N, C-alpha and C. Protein backbone atom coordinates (compact mmCIF):
# COMPACT_ATOMS: atom_id res chain seq x y z
N MET A 1 0.84 -1.18 0.00
CA MET A 1 0.00 0.00 0.00
C MET A 1 0.89 1.23 0.00
N THR A 2 0.64 2.13 -0.91
CA THR A 2 1.46 3.34 -1.00
C THR A 2 0.95 4.38 -0.03
N ARG A 3 1.86 5.10 0.52
CA ARG A 3 1.51 6.13 1.47
C ARG A 3 1.32 7.45 0.74
N ARG A 4 0.31 8.18 1.13
CA ARG A 4 0.02 9.46 0.49
C ARG A 4 1.05 10.49 0.88
N GLN A 5 1.41 11.33 -0.08
CA GLN A 5 2.38 12.38 0.19
C GLN A 5 1.71 13.47 1.02
N ILE A 6 2.39 13.91 2.05
CA ILE A 6 1.87 14.95 2.92
C ILE A 6 2.08 16.30 2.24
N LEU A 7 1.00 17.07 2.14
CA LEU A 7 1.07 18.37 1.50
C LEU A 7 1.41 19.42 2.54
N ARG A 8 2.43 20.20 2.25
CA ARG A 8 2.84 21.28 3.14
C ARG A 8 3.40 22.43 2.32
N GLY A 9 3.33 23.61 2.90
CA GLY A 9 3.96 24.79 2.31
C GLY A 9 3.51 25.10 0.91
N GLY A 10 4.51 25.28 0.02
CA GLY A 10 4.23 25.64 -1.36
C GLY A 10 3.50 24.56 -2.12
N THR A 11 3.78 23.30 -1.80
CA THR A 11 3.07 22.19 -2.45
C THR A 11 1.58 22.24 -2.12
N LEU A 12 1.28 22.53 -0.87
CA LEU A 12 -0.13 22.65 -0.46
C LEU A 12 -0.79 23.83 -1.15
N ASP A 13 -0.09 24.95 -1.25
CA ASP A 13 -0.65 26.12 -1.94
C ASP A 13 -0.96 25.81 -3.40
N GLU A 14 -0.03 25.12 -4.07
CA GLU A 14 -0.27 24.76 -5.47
C GLU A 14 -1.45 23.80 -5.60
N ALA A 15 -1.54 22.84 -4.68
CA ALA A 15 -2.63 21.88 -4.72
C ALA A 15 -3.96 22.57 -4.49
N ILE A 16 -3.99 23.53 -3.57
CA ILE A 16 -5.23 24.27 -3.31
C ILE A 16 -5.64 25.07 -4.53
N ASP A 17 -4.67 25.78 -5.14
CA ASP A 17 -4.99 26.58 -6.33
C ASP A 17 -5.50 25.71 -7.47
N THR A 18 -4.88 24.57 -7.69
CA THR A 18 -5.31 23.66 -8.74
C THR A 18 -6.71 23.13 -8.47
N LEU A 19 -6.94 22.72 -7.22
CA LEU A 19 -8.25 22.19 -6.85
C LEU A 19 -9.34 23.26 -6.98
N LEU A 20 -9.05 24.48 -6.54
CA LEU A 20 -10.04 25.55 -6.64
C LEU A 20 -10.38 25.86 -8.09
N ALA A 21 -9.35 25.85 -8.96
CA ALA A 21 -9.61 26.10 -10.39
C ALA A 21 -10.51 25.00 -10.97
N GLN A 22 -10.27 23.75 -10.57
CA GLN A 22 -11.10 22.65 -11.04
C GLN A 22 -12.53 22.79 -10.53
N MET A 23 -12.66 23.14 -9.27
CA MET A 23 -13.99 23.25 -8.67
C MET A 23 -14.78 24.40 -9.28
N VAL A 24 -14.11 25.52 -9.57
CA VAL A 24 -14.80 26.65 -10.21
C VAL A 24 -15.26 26.24 -11.60
N SER A 25 -14.41 25.51 -12.34
CA SER A 25 -14.79 25.11 -13.70
C SER A 25 -15.92 24.07 -13.69
N LEU A 26 -15.97 23.21 -12.66
CA LEU A 26 -17.05 22.22 -12.58
C LEU A 26 -18.39 22.85 -12.28
N GLY A 27 -18.38 23.94 -11.53
CA GLY A 27 -19.62 24.64 -11.23
C GLY A 27 -20.14 24.35 -9.84
N LEU A 28 -21.13 25.13 -9.46
CA LEU A 28 -21.68 25.07 -8.11
C LEU A 28 -22.42 23.77 -7.83
N GLU A 29 -23.11 23.22 -8.82
CA GLU A 29 -23.90 22.02 -8.59
C GLU A 29 -23.03 20.79 -8.38
N LEU A 30 -21.94 20.67 -9.13
CA LEU A 30 -21.09 19.48 -9.03
C LEU A 30 -20.01 19.60 -7.96
N ALA A 31 -19.50 20.82 -7.74
CA ALA A 31 -18.39 20.98 -6.80
C ALA A 31 -18.51 22.31 -6.05
N PRO A 32 -19.43 22.41 -5.09
CA PRO A 32 -19.53 23.65 -4.32
C PRO A 32 -18.28 23.84 -3.46
N ILE A 33 -17.78 25.04 -3.45
CA ILE A 33 -16.54 25.33 -2.73
C ILE A 33 -16.84 25.72 -1.29
N SER A 34 -16.17 25.03 -0.38
CA SER A 34 -16.20 25.37 1.04
C SER A 34 -14.91 24.83 1.66
N ARG A 35 -14.56 25.33 2.82
CA ARG A 35 -13.34 24.85 3.47
C ARG A 35 -13.40 23.36 3.79
N PRO A 36 -14.51 22.86 4.35
CA PRO A 36 -14.56 21.41 4.62
C PRO A 36 -14.45 20.57 3.34
N GLU A 37 -15.02 21.06 2.24
CA GLU A 37 -14.94 20.31 0.99
C GLU A 37 -13.52 20.30 0.45
N VAL A 38 -12.83 21.43 0.53
CA VAL A 38 -11.43 21.49 0.09
C VAL A 38 -10.59 20.56 0.96
N GLN A 39 -10.83 20.57 2.25
CA GLN A 39 -10.10 19.70 3.17
C GLN A 39 -10.32 18.24 2.81
N ARG A 40 -11.57 17.87 2.53
CA ARG A 40 -11.89 16.49 2.19
C ARG A 40 -11.23 16.06 0.89
N ARG A 41 -11.31 16.93 -0.12
CA ARG A 41 -10.76 16.57 -1.43
C ARG A 41 -9.24 16.49 -1.43
N LEU A 42 -8.59 17.26 -0.57
CA LEU A 42 -7.13 17.22 -0.49
C LEU A 42 -6.65 16.14 0.47
N GLY A 43 -7.55 15.57 1.24
CA GLY A 43 -7.17 14.53 2.18
C GLY A 43 -6.45 15.07 3.41
N LEU A 44 -6.74 16.30 3.78
CA LEU A 44 -6.11 16.90 4.95
C LEU A 44 -6.85 16.45 6.21
N THR A 45 -6.11 16.29 7.28
CA THR A 45 -6.73 15.87 8.54
C THR A 45 -7.06 17.06 9.43
N SER A 46 -6.47 18.18 9.17
CA SER A 46 -6.70 19.36 10.01
C SER A 46 -7.13 20.53 9.14
N ARG A 47 -8.18 21.20 9.57
CA ARG A 47 -8.65 22.36 8.83
C ARG A 47 -7.83 23.60 9.21
N ALA A 48 -6.98 23.49 10.20
CA ALA A 48 -6.17 24.62 10.64
C ALA A 48 -5.20 25.09 9.56
N THR A 49 -4.92 24.23 8.59
CA THR A 49 -4.02 24.63 7.50
C THR A 49 -4.73 25.52 6.48
N LEU A 50 -6.07 25.61 6.58
CA LEU A 50 -6.84 26.38 5.59
C LEU A 50 -7.29 27.72 6.15
N VAL A 51 -6.44 28.37 6.90
CA VAL A 51 -6.74 29.69 7.45
C VAL A 51 -5.80 30.72 6.85
N GLY A 52 -6.03 31.97 7.19
CA GLY A 52 -5.16 33.04 6.70
C GLY A 52 -5.31 33.26 5.21
N ASP A 53 -4.16 33.29 4.52
CA ASP A 53 -4.15 33.56 3.09
C ASP A 53 -4.85 32.44 2.32
N ARG A 54 -4.67 31.21 2.74
CA ARG A 54 -5.34 30.08 2.07
C ARG A 54 -6.85 30.18 2.23
N GLY A 55 -7.29 30.57 3.40
CA GLY A 55 -8.71 30.75 3.63
C GLY A 55 -9.29 31.86 2.78
N ARG A 56 -8.55 32.94 2.63
CA ARG A 56 -9.01 34.05 1.77
C ARG A 56 -9.10 33.61 0.31
N ARG A 57 -8.16 32.78 -0.12
CA ARG A 57 -8.22 32.29 -1.51
C ARG A 57 -9.42 31.38 -1.71
N ILE A 58 -9.70 30.54 -0.73
CA ILE A 58 -10.88 29.66 -0.82
C ILE A 58 -12.15 30.50 -0.86
N GLU A 59 -12.22 31.51 -0.01
CA GLU A 59 -13.41 32.37 0.04
C GLU A 59 -13.59 33.14 -1.27
N SER A 60 -12.50 33.65 -1.84
CA SER A 60 -12.63 34.38 -3.11
C SER A 60 -13.03 33.44 -4.25
N ALA A 61 -12.56 32.20 -4.21
CA ALA A 61 -12.98 31.23 -5.23
C ALA A 61 -14.45 30.88 -5.06
N ARG A 62 -14.92 30.80 -3.82
CA ARG A 62 -16.34 30.52 -3.56
C ARG A 62 -17.21 31.65 -4.11
N VAL A 63 -16.78 32.90 -3.88
CA VAL A 63 -17.52 34.05 -4.39
C VAL A 63 -17.52 34.04 -5.91
N ALA A 64 -16.38 33.73 -6.52
CA ALA A 64 -16.30 33.68 -7.98
C ALA A 64 -17.23 32.60 -8.53
N GLN A 65 -17.25 31.46 -7.87
CA GLN A 65 -18.13 30.37 -8.31
C GLN A 65 -19.59 30.76 -8.20
N LEU A 66 -19.97 31.43 -7.12
CA LEU A 66 -21.36 31.86 -6.95
C LEU A 66 -21.73 32.90 -8.01
N LYS A 67 -20.81 33.82 -8.31
CA LYS A 67 -21.10 34.84 -9.33
C LYS A 67 -21.27 34.19 -10.70
N GLU A 68 -20.44 33.19 -11.01
CA GLU A 68 -20.55 32.51 -12.30
C GLU A 68 -21.87 31.75 -12.43
N SER A 69 -22.38 31.26 -11.31
CA SER A 69 -23.65 30.52 -11.36
C SER A 69 -24.85 31.45 -11.34
N GLY A 70 -24.61 32.76 -11.19
CA GLY A 70 -25.70 33.73 -11.22
C GLY A 70 -26.33 33.98 -9.87
N ARG A 71 -25.69 33.57 -8.80
CA ARG A 71 -26.23 33.79 -7.46
C ARG A 71 -25.52 34.94 -6.77
N ASP A 72 -26.21 35.53 -5.83
CA ASP A 72 -25.63 36.63 -5.06
C ASP A 72 -24.78 36.04 -3.94
N PRO A 73 -23.47 36.28 -3.94
CA PRO A 73 -22.62 35.67 -2.91
C PRO A 73 -22.90 36.18 -1.51
N ASP A 74 -23.45 37.36 -1.37
CA ASP A 74 -23.71 37.92 -0.05
C ASP A 74 -25.16 37.77 0.37
N GLY A 75 -26.00 37.25 -0.49
CA GLY A 75 -27.43 37.16 -0.20
C GLY A 75 -27.76 36.32 1.01
N ALA A 76 -27.10 35.20 1.16
CA ALA A 76 -27.42 34.31 2.28
C ALA A 76 -26.82 34.81 3.59
N ARG A 77 -25.79 35.60 3.52
CA ARG A 77 -25.09 36.02 4.72
C ARG A 77 -25.49 37.41 5.21
N ARG A 78 -26.30 38.10 4.42
CA ARG A 78 -26.65 39.47 4.78
C ARG A 78 -27.76 39.48 5.82
N ARG A 79 -27.57 40.27 6.86
CA ARG A 79 -28.61 40.41 7.88
C ARG A 79 -29.59 41.48 7.45
N ARG A 80 -30.82 41.32 7.91
CA ARG A 80 -31.84 42.31 7.58
C ARG A 80 -31.58 43.59 8.36
N THR A 81 -31.91 44.71 7.75
CA THR A 81 -31.77 45.99 8.45
C THR A 81 -32.91 46.11 9.46
N TYR A 82 -32.77 47.09 10.35
CA TYR A 82 -33.81 47.31 11.35
C TYR A 82 -35.15 47.65 10.69
N GLU A 83 -35.10 48.43 9.61
CA GLU A 83 -36.34 48.80 8.92
C GLU A 83 -37.02 47.57 8.34
N GLU A 84 -36.21 46.66 7.76
CA GLU A 84 -36.78 45.43 7.21
C GLU A 84 -37.36 44.55 8.32
N ARG A 85 -36.66 44.48 9.44
CA ARG A 85 -37.16 43.70 10.57
C ARG A 85 -38.48 44.28 11.10
N ILE A 86 -38.52 45.60 11.24
CA ILE A 86 -39.73 46.26 11.74
C ILE A 86 -40.90 46.02 10.79
N ALA A 87 -40.66 46.17 9.48
CA ALA A 87 -41.73 45.94 8.51
C ALA A 87 -42.22 44.49 8.56
N HIS A 88 -41.29 43.55 8.69
CA HIS A 88 -41.66 42.14 8.77
C HIS A 88 -42.48 41.87 10.03
N LEU A 89 -42.06 42.41 11.16
CA LEU A 89 -42.78 42.20 12.41
C LEU A 89 -44.16 42.87 12.40
N GLN A 90 -44.25 44.05 11.76
CA GLN A 90 -45.55 44.71 11.67
C GLN A 90 -46.52 43.89 10.82
N ALA A 91 -46.03 43.35 9.71
CA ALA A 91 -46.88 42.51 8.86
C ALA A 91 -47.31 41.25 9.62
N GLU A 92 -46.38 40.66 10.37
CA GLU A 92 -46.71 39.48 11.16
C GLU A 92 -47.74 39.82 12.24
N ASN A 93 -47.60 40.99 12.83
CA ASN A 93 -48.54 41.44 13.87
C ASN A 93 -49.94 41.61 13.30
N VAL A 94 -50.05 42.21 12.11
CA VAL A 94 -51.35 42.39 11.47
C VAL A 94 -52.00 41.03 11.20
N ALA A 95 -51.20 40.07 10.72
CA ALA A 95 -51.73 38.74 10.45
C ALA A 95 -52.21 38.06 11.73
N LEU A 96 -51.44 38.22 12.81
CA LEU A 96 -51.83 37.60 14.08
C LEU A 96 -53.09 38.24 14.67
N VAL A 97 -53.22 39.55 14.51
CA VAL A 97 -54.43 40.23 15.01
C VAL A 97 -55.66 39.76 14.24
N SER A 98 -55.54 39.63 12.93
CA SER A 98 -56.69 39.17 12.15
C SER A 98 -57.01 37.71 12.49
N GLN A 99 -56.00 36.89 12.74
CA GLN A 99 -56.24 35.51 13.13
C GLN A 99 -56.94 35.46 14.50
N ARG A 100 -56.50 36.30 15.43
CA ARG A 100 -57.14 36.36 16.74
C ARG A 100 -58.61 36.75 16.60
N ASP A 101 -58.89 37.73 15.75
CA ASP A 101 -60.27 38.18 15.55
C ASP A 101 -61.14 37.07 14.97
N ARG A 102 -60.60 36.32 14.00
CA ARG A 102 -61.36 35.21 13.41
C ARG A 102 -61.64 34.13 14.44
N LEU A 103 -60.65 33.82 15.28
CA LEU A 103 -60.85 32.80 16.30
C LEU A 103 -61.85 33.25 17.36
N TYR A 104 -61.82 34.52 17.70
CA TYR A 104 -62.78 35.06 18.67
C TYR A 104 -64.20 35.00 18.09
N GLU A 105 -64.30 35.31 16.80
CA GLU A 105 -65.60 35.23 16.12
C GLU A 105 -66.12 33.79 16.11
N ALA A 106 -65.24 32.84 15.84
CA ALA A 106 -65.64 31.43 15.82
C ALA A 106 -66.07 30.97 17.20
N LEU A 107 -65.37 31.42 18.23
CA LEU A 107 -65.73 31.07 19.60
C LEU A 107 -67.09 31.64 19.97
N SER A 108 -67.35 32.86 19.53
CA SER A 108 -68.66 33.47 19.78
C SER A 108 -69.76 32.71 19.06
N GLU A 109 -69.47 32.27 17.85
CA GLU A 109 -70.46 31.49 17.09
C GLU A 109 -70.76 30.16 17.77
N ILE A 110 -69.71 29.51 18.31
CA ILE A 110 -69.91 28.25 19.04
C ILE A 110 -70.80 28.49 20.25
N ALA A 111 -70.51 29.54 21.01
CA ALA A 111 -71.30 29.84 22.20
C ALA A 111 -72.75 30.14 21.82
N HIS A 112 -72.95 30.88 20.75
CA HIS A 112 -74.31 31.22 20.29
C HIS A 112 -75.09 29.97 19.91
N ARG A 113 -74.46 29.05 19.16
CA ARG A 113 -75.13 27.82 18.74
C ARG A 113 -75.44 26.92 19.94
N CYS A 114 -74.56 26.92 20.92
CA CYS A 114 -74.82 26.13 22.13
C CYS A 114 -76.04 26.67 22.86
N LEU A 115 -76.15 28.00 22.95
CA LEU A 115 -77.30 28.60 23.62
C LEU A 115 -78.60 28.31 22.87
N LEU A 116 -78.55 28.33 21.52
CA LEU A 116 -79.74 28.05 20.73
C LEU A 116 -80.22 26.61 20.91
N LYS A 117 -79.28 25.67 21.09
CA LYS A 117 -79.66 24.26 21.23
C LYS A 117 -79.87 23.86 22.68
N GLY A 118 -79.66 24.79 23.60
CA GLY A 118 -79.89 24.49 25.00
C GLY A 118 -78.77 23.72 25.67
N VAL A 119 -77.59 23.74 25.08
CA VAL A 119 -76.42 23.05 25.66
C VAL A 119 -75.72 24.02 26.60
N ASP A 120 -75.20 23.48 27.71
CA ASP A 120 -74.50 24.31 28.68
C ASP A 120 -73.16 24.78 28.08
N VAL A 121 -73.02 26.08 27.91
CA VAL A 121 -71.82 26.67 27.29
C VAL A 121 -70.59 26.41 28.14
N GLU A 122 -70.73 26.45 29.45
CA GLU A 122 -69.60 26.24 30.35
C GLU A 122 -69.00 24.84 30.18
N ASP A 123 -69.84 23.82 29.98
CA ASP A 123 -69.33 22.47 29.77
C ASP A 123 -68.58 22.36 28.44
N VAL A 124 -69.10 23.00 27.40
CA VAL A 124 -68.46 22.94 26.09
C VAL A 124 -67.12 23.68 26.10
N MET A 125 -67.08 24.83 26.76
CA MET A 125 -65.87 25.66 26.77
C MET A 125 -64.83 25.20 27.80
N ASP A 126 -65.19 24.22 28.61
CA ASP A 126 -64.28 23.74 29.65
C ASP A 126 -62.97 23.20 29.06
N CYS A 127 -63.03 22.60 27.87
CA CYS A 127 -61.81 22.05 27.28
C CYS A 127 -60.84 23.14 26.81
N PHE A 128 -61.30 24.38 26.66
CA PHE A 128 -60.43 25.47 26.21
C PHE A 128 -59.70 26.15 27.37
N ARG A 129 -60.12 25.87 28.58
CA ARG A 129 -59.50 26.53 29.73
C ARG A 129 -58.12 25.94 30.02
N LYS A 130 -57.24 26.79 30.56
CA LYS A 130 -55.92 26.31 30.96
C LYS A 130 -56.07 25.44 32.19
N ARG A 131 -55.26 24.45 32.26
CA ARG A 131 -55.33 23.53 33.40
C ARG A 131 -54.28 23.82 34.41
């Protein structure tokens, strides 16, 4: 059984550059670029070798690959602004208020029908009470 050559220094840098070029050419669907994927494909046991300048090269290759595939590289990592958060929460609040109103209306309708049929409303509503 042959032993794999350990990649270090300049040899590792060349191997990373070659692998990144291959992965960019293969595309996002076949070879998405990430540090764990580069580590796996190179057969490295420690991800600590993929930091600093090597990490920046991997990240720039990932961005290039995303741009080539037509995706926004910052879209998934961008946080919403406060205005966007406020607008989202206000819309959610309006939906919850309308849902509350519909449920209250349905509960009133149940109580009304129970009274019309002569059923004790307290017994019917007992299952809705907190225990």
